């Protein structure tokens, strides 16, 4: 989790928070965190849906037999 300090807000005339102002470095860290989470979700999905894998030994034998 990313801890942000000194967050600034843009407010309307009533003082209601309407927008967040972030430093570019904080924004980039948030983007990287989101990308990492998306990658983790994609990996988990791939693991759950994985099928048709071969054992490494069998794969090597198949490659060797195609060379011959």
Protein backbone atom coordinates (compact mmCIF):
# COMPACT_ATOMS: atom_id res chain seq x y z
CA UNK A 1 0.00 0.00 0.00
CA UNK A 2 1.21 3.48 -0.82
CA UNK A 3 1.22 6.00 1.99
CA UNK A 4 0.70 9.52 0.71
CA UNK A 5 1.56 12.60 2.73
CA UNK A 6 0.59 16.21 2.24
CA UNK A 7 -2.36 15.57 -0.05
CA UNK A 8 -3.91 18.74 -1.45
CA UNK A 9 -7.53 19.10 -2.47
CA UNK A 10 -9.38 21.43 -4.77
CA UNK A 11 -12.63 22.56 -3.22
CA UNK A 12 -15.75 24.25 -4.45
CA UNK A 13 -17.11 27.52 -3.12
CA UNK A 14 -18.77 25.61 -0.24
CA UNK A 15 -15.50 23.98 0.81
CA UNK A 16 -16.50 20.54 -0.49
CA UNK A 17 -13.54 18.50 -1.72
CA UNK A 18 -13.86 17.99 -5.48
CA UNK A 19 -10.40 16.94 -6.69
CA UNK A 20 -7.11 15.63 -5.39
CA UNK A 21 -3.79 17.20 -6.32
CA UNK A 22 -0.88 14.76 -6.31
CA UNK A 23 2.81 15.17 -6.91
CA UNK A 24 3.84 13.57 -10.18
CA UNK A 25 6.08 11.12 -8.32
CA UNK A 26 3.15 10.02 -6.13
CA UNK A 27 0.94 9.63 -9.19
CA UNK A 28 3.58 7.50 -10.92
CA UNK A 29 3.94 5.31 -7.80
CA UNK A 30 0.17 4.79 -7.76
CA UNK A 31 0.21 3.85 -11.44
CA UNK A 32 3.01 1.34 -10.86
CA UNK A 33 1.13 -0.17 -7.93
CA UNK A 34 -2.00 -0.55 -10.05
CA UNK A 35 0.00 -2.18 -12.86
CA UNK A 36 1.59 -4.60 -10.38
CA UNK A 37 -1.84 -5.51 -9.01
CA UNK A 38 -3.20 -6.03 -12.53
CA UNK A 39 -0.24 -8.28 -13.33
CA UNK A 40 -0.82 -10.30 -10.16
CA UNK A 41 -4.50 -10.73 -11.03
CA UNK A 42 -3.63 -11.81 -14.57
CA UNK A 43 -1.09 -14.32 -13.26
CA UNK A 44 -3.61 -15.76 -10.81
CA UNK A 45 -6.21 -16.03 -13.57
CA UNK A 46 -3.69 -17.78 -15.84
CA UNK A 47 -2.79 -20.25 -13.12
CA UNK A 48 -6.44 -21.11 -12.51
CA UNK A 49 -7.18 -21.53 -16.22
CA UNK A 50 -3.93 -23.28 -17.11
CA UNK A 51 -4.23 -26.51 -19.03
CA UNK A 52 -2.30 -28.54 -21.53
CA UNK A 53 1.11 -28.09 -19.94
CA UNK A 54 3.85 -30.63 -20.46
CA UNK A 55 6.54 -31.71 -18.09
CA UNK A 56 9.92 -30.19 -18.90
CA UNK A 57 11.45 -33.62 -19.58
CA UNK A 58 8.68 -34.47 -22.03
CA UNK A 59 9.10 -31.13 -23.77
CA UNK A 60 12.83 -31.69 -24.19
CA UNK A 61 12.24 -35.20 -25.57
CA UNK A 62 9.75 -33.81 -28.07
CA UNK A 63 12.20 -31.15 -29.23
CA UNK A 64 15.00 -33.70 -29.57
CA UNK A 65 12.80 -36.06 -31.57
CA UNK A 66 11.93 -33.25 -34.00
CA UNK A 67 15.62 -32.51 -34.56
CA UNK A 68 16.32 -36.11 -35.60
